[in-house]
């Protein structure tokens, strides 16, 4: 399951790795992106051991000295602190799996801590920036209608971009304005979209078939429940990279690409505004275990004003909102 150029000499190390990756895929339900990260982390460690001639030490005779040498080697190759932290986390999960299955009696990661990484606040859109961004998408072409629906849902429902592109027609309740999404770990949530986002989504669904361009076999021409909500010019499902390109294109359209260059920034805008003004906005509980990270700049030098963070937590629990329209944020 791990693609590498050098041979490992058939010492059986891949057997443990494959067991771990199969467990994470089939039993834990990890996403392809998570599995790719685990594969890269373990592959990097095995490559390091093989180059040192210590491959036979894996996995039972790996010690702290080997791990520190591995970190030093990764640092010399230009890996940053975040990459090193991910490498250690991948190895830690691997040895935790081995101990749970009684395939080893100890973990060499015990006592080794991840390097400290700098904490930065997410880049978020302000009210005026979000209004300008969404109002800039006003064309009559079906792509314009689709892009506006994308932006409205990202901002109004606070949905992850991966969740949005993975949504199917059966997941959207147009009558009640609700969108069912599946997030990390295949956790399912039902999100209120708000009036404006619902209107934009309904307008897009009326134009969605145009993306098929007469191809009756394209997903865009299908009305089955499993058909994707958002499709590209080929009539197939949009992916995360496509949404990033769309957002970059729309930001450049009004010459403000420096404001926010990721879909996550659009999604987190409502959370930041709620901390400032106490407005009722959509939240994702999975991302609010540290709500102080979204505190406005004025609160960074001390505690947030009494009641503000309590209001944010109350709203995240209520999860019943009416998102503001682009024209009346």
Protein backbone atom coordinates (compact mmCIF):
# COMPACT_ATOMS: atom_id res chain seq x y z
CA UNK A 1 0.00 0.00 0.00
CA UNK A 2 3.05 2.27 0.25
CA UNK A 3 4.69 3.20 -3.05
CA UNK A 4 8.46 3.56 -2.69
CA UNK A 5 11.38 3.16 -5.07
CA UNK A 6 14.01 1.39 -2.90
CA UNK A 7 13.43 -2.24 -1.94
CA UNK A 8 13.13 -3.15 1.71
CA UNK A 9 14.67 -6.55 1.38
CA UNK A 10 11.56 -8.50 2.39
CA UNK A 11 12.02 -8.33 6.15
CA UNK A 12 8.25 -8.33 6.69
CA UNK A 13 7.99 -4.68 7.70
CA UNK A 14 5.28 -4.04 5.13
CA UNK A 15 3.05 -6.60 6.81
CA UNK A 16 2.63 -4.42 9.91
CA UNK A 17 2.16 -1.28 7.86
CA UNK A 18 -0.48 -2.88 5.66
CA UNK A 19 -2.36 -4.18 8.70
CA UNK A 20 -2.39 -0.68 10.16
CA UNK A 21 -3.52 1.03 6.95
CA UNK A 22 -6.25 -1.57 6.41
CA UNK A 23 -7.47 -1.01 9.97
CA UNK A 24 -7.56 2.77 9.53
CA UNK A 25 -9.41 2.48 6.21
CA UNK A 26 -11.92 -0.27 6.91
CA UNK A 27 -12.52 0.02 10.65
CA UNK A 28 -11.83 3.68 11.43
CA UNK A 29 -13.25 5.04 8.17
CA UNK A 30 -10.40 7.49 7.51
CA UNK A 31 -10.60 9.64 4.40
CA UNK A 32 -8.29 9.10 1.38
CA UNK A 33 -6.39 12.26 2.35
CA UNK A 34 -5.77 10.95 5.86
CA UNK A 35 -4.65 7.58 4.50
CA UNK A 36 -2.28 9.29 2.09
CA UNK A 37 -0.74 11.21 4.99
CA UNK A 38 -0.29 8.02 7.06
CA UNK A 39 1.28 6.26 4.07
CA UNK A 40 3.70 9.12 3.46
CA UNK A 41 4.70 9.28 7.14
CA UNK A 42 5.42 5.58 7.44
CA UNK A 43 7.10 5.46 4.04
CA UNK A 44 9.45 8.29 5.02
CA UNK A 45 10.42 6.45 8.22
CA UNK A 46 10.99 3.13 6.45
CA UNK A 47 13.08 4.84 3.78
CA UNK A 48 15.21 6.43 6.48
CA UNK A 49 15.73 3.09 8.24
CA UNK A 50 16.62 1.36 5.00
CA UNK A 51 19.18 3.97 4.04
CA UNK A 52 20.81 3.59 7.48
CA UNK A 53 20.77 -0.21 7.28
CA UNK A 54 18.48 -0.40 10.32
CA UNK A 55 15.36 -1.72 8.61
CA UNK A 56 15.50 -4.93 10.66
CA UNK A 57 14.86 -2.84 13.77
CA UNK A 58 11.35 -2.03 12.54
CA UNK A 59 8.99 -2.15 14.31
CA UNK A 60 10.04 -3.90 17.54
CA UNK A 61 13.56 -2.56 18.11
CA UNK A 62 13.02 1.08 17.16
CA UNK A 63 14.19 3.33 20.01
CA UNK A 64 14.33 7.03 20.81
CA UNK A 65 17.78 7.44 19.28
CA UNK A 66 16.51 6.19 15.94
CA UNK A 67 13.49 8.47 16.13
CA UNK A 68 15.63 11.51 16.95
CA UNK A 69 17.95 10.66 14.09
CA UNK A 70 14.91 10.42 11.83
CA UNK A 71 13.72 13.86 12.91
CA UNK A 72 17.18 15.29 12.34
CA UNK A 73 17.27 13.73 8.87
CA UNK A 74 13.85 15.17 8.01
CA UNK A 75 14.92 18.60 9.25
CA UNK A 76 18.06 18.45 7.12
CA UNK A 77 15.89 17.71 4.10
CA UNK A 78 13.91 20.90 4.70
CA UNK A 79 10.86 19.58 6.57
CA UNK A 80 9.17 22.15 8.80
CA UNK A 81 7.80 21.76 12.30
CA UNK A 82 4.29 20.97 11.06
CA UNK A 83 5.63 18.15 8.88
CA UNK A 84 7.68 16.76 11.76
CA UNK A 85 4.63 16.86 14.01
CA UNK A 86 2.62 14.97 11.43
CA UNK A 87 5.37 12.37 11.03
CA UNK A 88 5.43 11.76 14.78
CA UNK A 89 1.64 11.65 14.98
CA UNK A 90 1.53 9.05 12.20
CA UNK A 91 4.12 6.88 13.91
CA UNK A 92 2.39 7.32 17.27
CA UNK A 93 -0.91 6.09 15.78
CA UNK A 94 0.91 3.16 14.18
CA UNK A 95 2.49 1.99 17.45
CA UNK A 96 -0.75 2.55 19.34
CA UNK A 97 -2.38 0.16 16.87
CA UNK A 98 0.39 -2.43 17.34
CA UNK A 99 0.05 -2.29 21.12
CA UNK A 100 -3.74 -2.60 20.94
CA UNK A 101 -3.34 -5.71 18.77
CA UNK A 102 -0.59 -7.00 21.11
CA UNK A 103 1.91 -7.03 18.24
CA UNK A 104 4.40 -5.11 20.37
CA UNK A 105 4.72 -4.44 24.09
CA UNK A 106 5.91 -0.82 24.02
CA UNK A 107 5.94 2.36 21.96
CA UNK A 108 9.23 4.19 21.30
CA UNK A 109 7.17 7.39 20.99
CA UNK A 110 6.50 7.51 24.74
CA UNK A 111 8.09 10.63 26.12
CA UNK A 112 8.71 12.19 22.71
CA UNK A 113 6.69 15.33 22.15
CA UNK A 114 5.79 17.05 18.91
CA UNK A 115 7.78 20.23 18.18
CA UNK A 116 5.94 23.41 19.03
CA UNK A 117 4.39 25.05 15.99
CA UNK A 118 3.41 28.72 15.71
CA UNK A 119 -0.27 29.44 16.30
CA UNK A 120 -1.87 31.73 13.77
CA UNK A 121 -5.39 33.05 13.45
CA UNK A 122 -7.36 31.99 10.34
CA UNK A 123 -7.90 34.55 7.61
CA UNK A 124 -11.58 35.43 7.50
CA UNK A 125 -13.85 37.59 5.41
CA UNK A 126 -15.48 40.62 6.97
CA UNK A 127 -19.12 41.48 6.31
CA UNK A 128 -18.27 43.98 3.58
CA UNK A 129 -15.76 41.62 1.96
CA UNK A 130 -18.25 38.75 1.93
CA UNK A 131 -20.93 41.04 0.49
CA UNK A 132 -18.60 42.25 -2.26
CA UNK A 133 -17.46 38.73 -3.07
CA UNK A 134 -20.95 37.27 -3.41
CA UNK A 135 -22.47 40.27 -5.18
CA UNK A 136 -19.62 40.12 -7.72
CA UNK A 137 -21.05 36.82 -8.94
CA UNK A 138 -24.07 38.13 -10.80
CA UNK A 139 -23.87 36.68 -14.31
CA UNK A 140 -26.63 34.74 -16.03
CA UNK A 141 -24.46 31.82 -17.19
CA UNK A 142 -25.04 28.53 -15.39
CA UNK A 143 -21.49 28.64 -14.02
CA UNK A 144 -22.23 32.00 -12.40
CA UNK A 145 -25.39 30.60 -10.83
CA UNK A 146 -23.43 27.58 -9.58
CA UNK A 147 -20.58 29.67 -8.19
CA UNK A 148 -22.97 31.95 -6.32
CA UNK A 149 -24.68 28.95 -4.75
CA UNK A 150 -21.27 27.59 -3.75
CA UNK A 151 -20.26 30.83 -2.07
CA UNK A 152 -23.61 31.33 -0.36
CA UNK A 153 -23.48 27.83 1.12
CA UNK A 154 -19.85 28.08 2.18
CA UNK A 155 -20.59 31.34 3.99
CA UNK A 156 -24.20 30.84 5.06
CA UNK A 157 -24.08 27.21 6.19
CA UNK A 158 -20.49 27.16 7.45
CA UNK A 159 -19.91 23.91 5.57
CA UNK A 160 -16.49 22.50 4.77
CA UNK A 161 -15.62 22.59 1.08
CA UNK A 162 -15.00 18.82 1.08
CA UNK A 163 -18.45 18.28 2.59
CA UNK A 164 -20.08 20.57 0.06
CA UNK A 165 -18.61 18.93 -3.03
CA UNK A 166 -19.48 15.52 -1.57
CA UNK A 167 -23.16 16.39 -1.14
CA UNK A 168 -25.70 14.57 -3.32
CA UNK A 169 -29.17 15.61 -4.44
CA UNK A 170 -30.74 13.38 -1.79
CA UNK A 171 -28.83 15.29 0.88
CA UNK A 172 -30.46 18.64 0.16
CA UNK A 173 -33.96 19.38 1.47
CA UNK A 174 -35.07 22.35 -0.62
CA UNK A 175 -38.41 22.68 1.17
CA UNK A 176 -36.84 23.13 4.62
CA UNK A 177 -33.50 24.59 3.55
CA UNK A 178 -31.44 21.82 5.16
CA UNK A 179 -28.26 20.20 3.90
CA UNK A 180 -26.99 16.84 5.18
CA UNK A 181 -23.19 16.59 5.02
CA UNK A 182 -20.63 13.97 5.99
CA UNK A 183 -17.48 15.32 7.57
CA UNK A 184 -14.30 13.97 9.07
CA UNK A 185 -14.60 10.41 10.28
CA UNK A 186 -17.80 10.11 8.22
CA UNK A 187 -19.70 12.03 10.89
CA UNK A 188 -23.06 13.16 9.55
CA UNK A 189 -24.58 16.57 10.29
CA UNK A 190 -27.76 18.35 9.23
CA UNK A 191 -27.12 22.03 8.57
CA UNK A 192 -29.60 24.88 8.10
CA UNK A 193 -28.57 26.83 5.01
CA UNK A 194 -30.39 30.10 5.65
CA UNK A 195 -32.83 31.85 3.32
CA UNK A 196 -30.36 33.39 0.89
CA UNK A 197 -28.20 30.29 0.53
CA UNK A 198 -31.34 28.20 -0.02
CA UNK A 199 -32.55 30.57 -2.72
CA UNK A 200 -29.16 30.43 -4.46
CA UNK A 201 -29.06 26.62 -4.21
CA UNK A 202 -32.58 26.29 -5.62
CA UNK A 203 -31.68 28.59 -8.51
CA UNK A 204 -28.66 26.44 -9.26
CA UNK A 205 -30.64 23.20 -9.23
CA UNK A 206 -32.92 24.64 -11.92
CA UNK A 207 -29.87 25.26 -14.13
CA UNK A 208 -27.84 22.21 -13.15
CA UNK A 209 -28.81 20.09 -16.17
CA UNK A 210 -27.18 22.63 -18.50
CA UNK A 211 -23.77 21.44 -17.32
CA UNK A 212 -24.40 18.08 -18.99
CA UNK A 213 -24.30 19.80 -22.42
CA UNK A 214 -26.73 17.29 -23.88
CA UNK A 215 -24.90 14.25 -22.51
CA UNK A 216 -27.70 12.20 -20.94
CA UNK A 217 -25.19 9.88 -19.21
CA UNK A 218 -23.42 12.73 -17.35
CA UNK A 219 -24.16 13.04 -13.61
CA UNK A 220 -25.47 16.57 -14.22
CA UNK A 221 -28.25 15.14 -16.39
CA UNK A 222 -29.29 12.67 -13.69
CA UNK A 223 -31.86 13.38 -10.99
CA UNK A 224 -31.09 10.26 -8.94
CA UNK A 225 -30.47 10.76 -5.24
CA UNK A 226 -26.81 9.78 -5.52
CA UNK A 227 -26.11 12.37 -8.23
CA UNK A 228 -23.83 15.24 -7.10
CA UNK A 229 -25.30 18.63 -6.28
CA UNK A 230 -22.40 20.58 -7.76
CA UNK A 231 -20.90 19.62 -11.11
CA UNK A 232 -18.27 21.01 -13.46
CA UNK A 233 -18.37 21.88 -17.16
CA UNK A 234 -18.01 18.20 -18.01
CA UNK A 235 -21.14 17.36 -16.04
CA UNK A 236 -19.22 15.47 -13.35
CA UNK A 237 -18.75 16.15 -9.63
CA UNK A 238 -16.70 19.16 -8.57
CA UNK A 239 -13.64 18.46 -6.44
CA UNK A 240 -11.94 20.48 -3.71
CA UNK A 241 -9.29 21.89 -6.02
CA UNK A 242 -11.93 23.07 -8.44
CA UNK A 243 -13.66 25.02 -5.67
CA UNK A 244 -10.35 26.62 -4.72
CA UNK A 245 -9.86 27.71 -8.33
CA UNK A 246 -13.40 29.08 -8.45
CA UNK A 247 -12.89 31.05 -5.25
CA UNK A 248 -9.54 32.42 -6.46
CA UNK A 249 -11.17 33.45 -9.73
CA UNK A 250 -14.03 35.24 -7.97
CA UNK A 251 -11.68 36.97 -5.55
CA UNK A 252 -9.53 38.20 -8.41
CA UNK A 253 -12.65 39.48 -10.16
CA UNK A 254 -12.93 42.30 -7.66
CA UNK A 255 -9.17 42.67 -7.07
CA UNK A 256 -9.15 41.48 -3.46
CA UNK A 257 -7.35 38.14 -3.66
CA UNK A 258 -5.28 39.12 -0.62
CA UNK A 259 -8.33 39.07 1.66
CA UNK A 260 -8.89 35.34 1.82
CA UNK A 261 -7.50 32.74 -0.55
CA UNK A 262 -9.02 29.56 0.87
CA UNK A 263 -12.55 28.13 1.14
CA UNK A 264 -11.93 27.69 4.89
CA UNK A 265 -11.64 31.44 5.25
CA UNK A 266 -15.07 31.90 3.68
CA UNK A 267 -16.50 29.23 5.98
CA UNK A 268 -15.03 30.76 9.15
CA UNK A 269 -16.18 34.29 8.43
CA UNK A 270 -19.51 33.87 10.28
CA UNK A 271 -17.72 32.47 13.33
CA UNK A 272 -15.49 35.50 13.60
CA UNK A 273 -18.39 37.94 13.13
CA UNK A 274 -20.40 36.17 15.82
CA UNK A 275 -17.57 36.71 18.28
CA UNK A 276 -17.60 40.43 17.48
CA UNK A 277 -21.28 41.24 17.30
CA UNK A 278 -23.03 38.29 18.95
CA UNK A 279 -25.04 37.62 15.78
CA UNK A 280 -26.78 34.28 15.32
CA UNK A 281 -24.66 32.51 12.74
CA UNK A 282 -24.05 28.85 11.80
CA UNK A 283 -21.33 26.99 13.66
CA UNK A 284 -19.72 23.58 13.43
CA UNK A 285 -19.28 22.06 16.88
CA UNK A 286 -16.36 19.99 15.64
CA UNK A 287 -14.40 23.18 15.06
CA UNK A 288 -15.37 25.07 18.22
CA UNK A 289 -13.54 23.09 20.87
CA UNK A 290 -11.21 26.11 21.04
CA UNK A 291 -13.49 29.04 20.21
CA UNK A 292 -10.99 31.57 21.56
CA UNK A 293 -9.02 31.00 18.35
CA UNK A 294 -11.75 32.95 16.56
CA UNK A 295 -11.71 35.90 18.97
CA UNK A 296 -11.39 39.31 17.30
CA UNK A 297 -8.07 41.10 17.36
CA UNK A 298 -9.02 43.36 20.23
CA UNK A 299 -9.44 40.38 22.56
CA UNK A 300 -6.02 38.87 21.97
CA UNK A 301 -4.30 40.84 24.73
CA UNK A 302 -6.58 39.49 27.44
CA UNK A 303 -9.80 37.67 28.20
CA UNK A 304 -12.81 38.10 25.96
CA UNK A 305 -15.54 40.35 27.40
CA UNK A 306 -17.74 38.46 29.84
CA UNK A 307 -20.58 36.65 28.12
CA UNK A 308 -19.19 36.74 24.56
CA UNK A 309 -17.65 33.26 24.55
CA UNK A 310 -20.67 31.89 26.42
CA UNK A 311 -22.88 33.35 23.70
CA UNK A 312 -20.74 31.71 21.01
CA UNK A 313 -21.01 28.33 22.72
CA UNK A 314 -24.76 28.78 23.21
CA UNK A 315 -25.22 29.54 19.52
CA UNK A 316 -23.07 26.59 18.48
CA UNK A 317 -25.35 24.33 20.51
CA UNK A 318 -28.57 25.90 19.25
CA UNK A 319 -27.61 25.48 15.59
CA UNK A 320 -30.76 27.15 14.44
CA UNK A 321 -29.98 30.19 12.35
CA UNK A 322 -31.10 32.38 9.50
CA UNK A 323 -27.98 33.28 7.50
CA UNK A 324 -27.79 36.85 6.20
CA UNK A 325 -28.26 37.54 2.51
CA UNK A 326 -25.40 38.91 0.50
CA UNK A 327 -27.38 42.09 -0.05
CA UNK A 328 -28.19 42.55 3.62
CA UNK A 329 -25.33 41.24 5.69
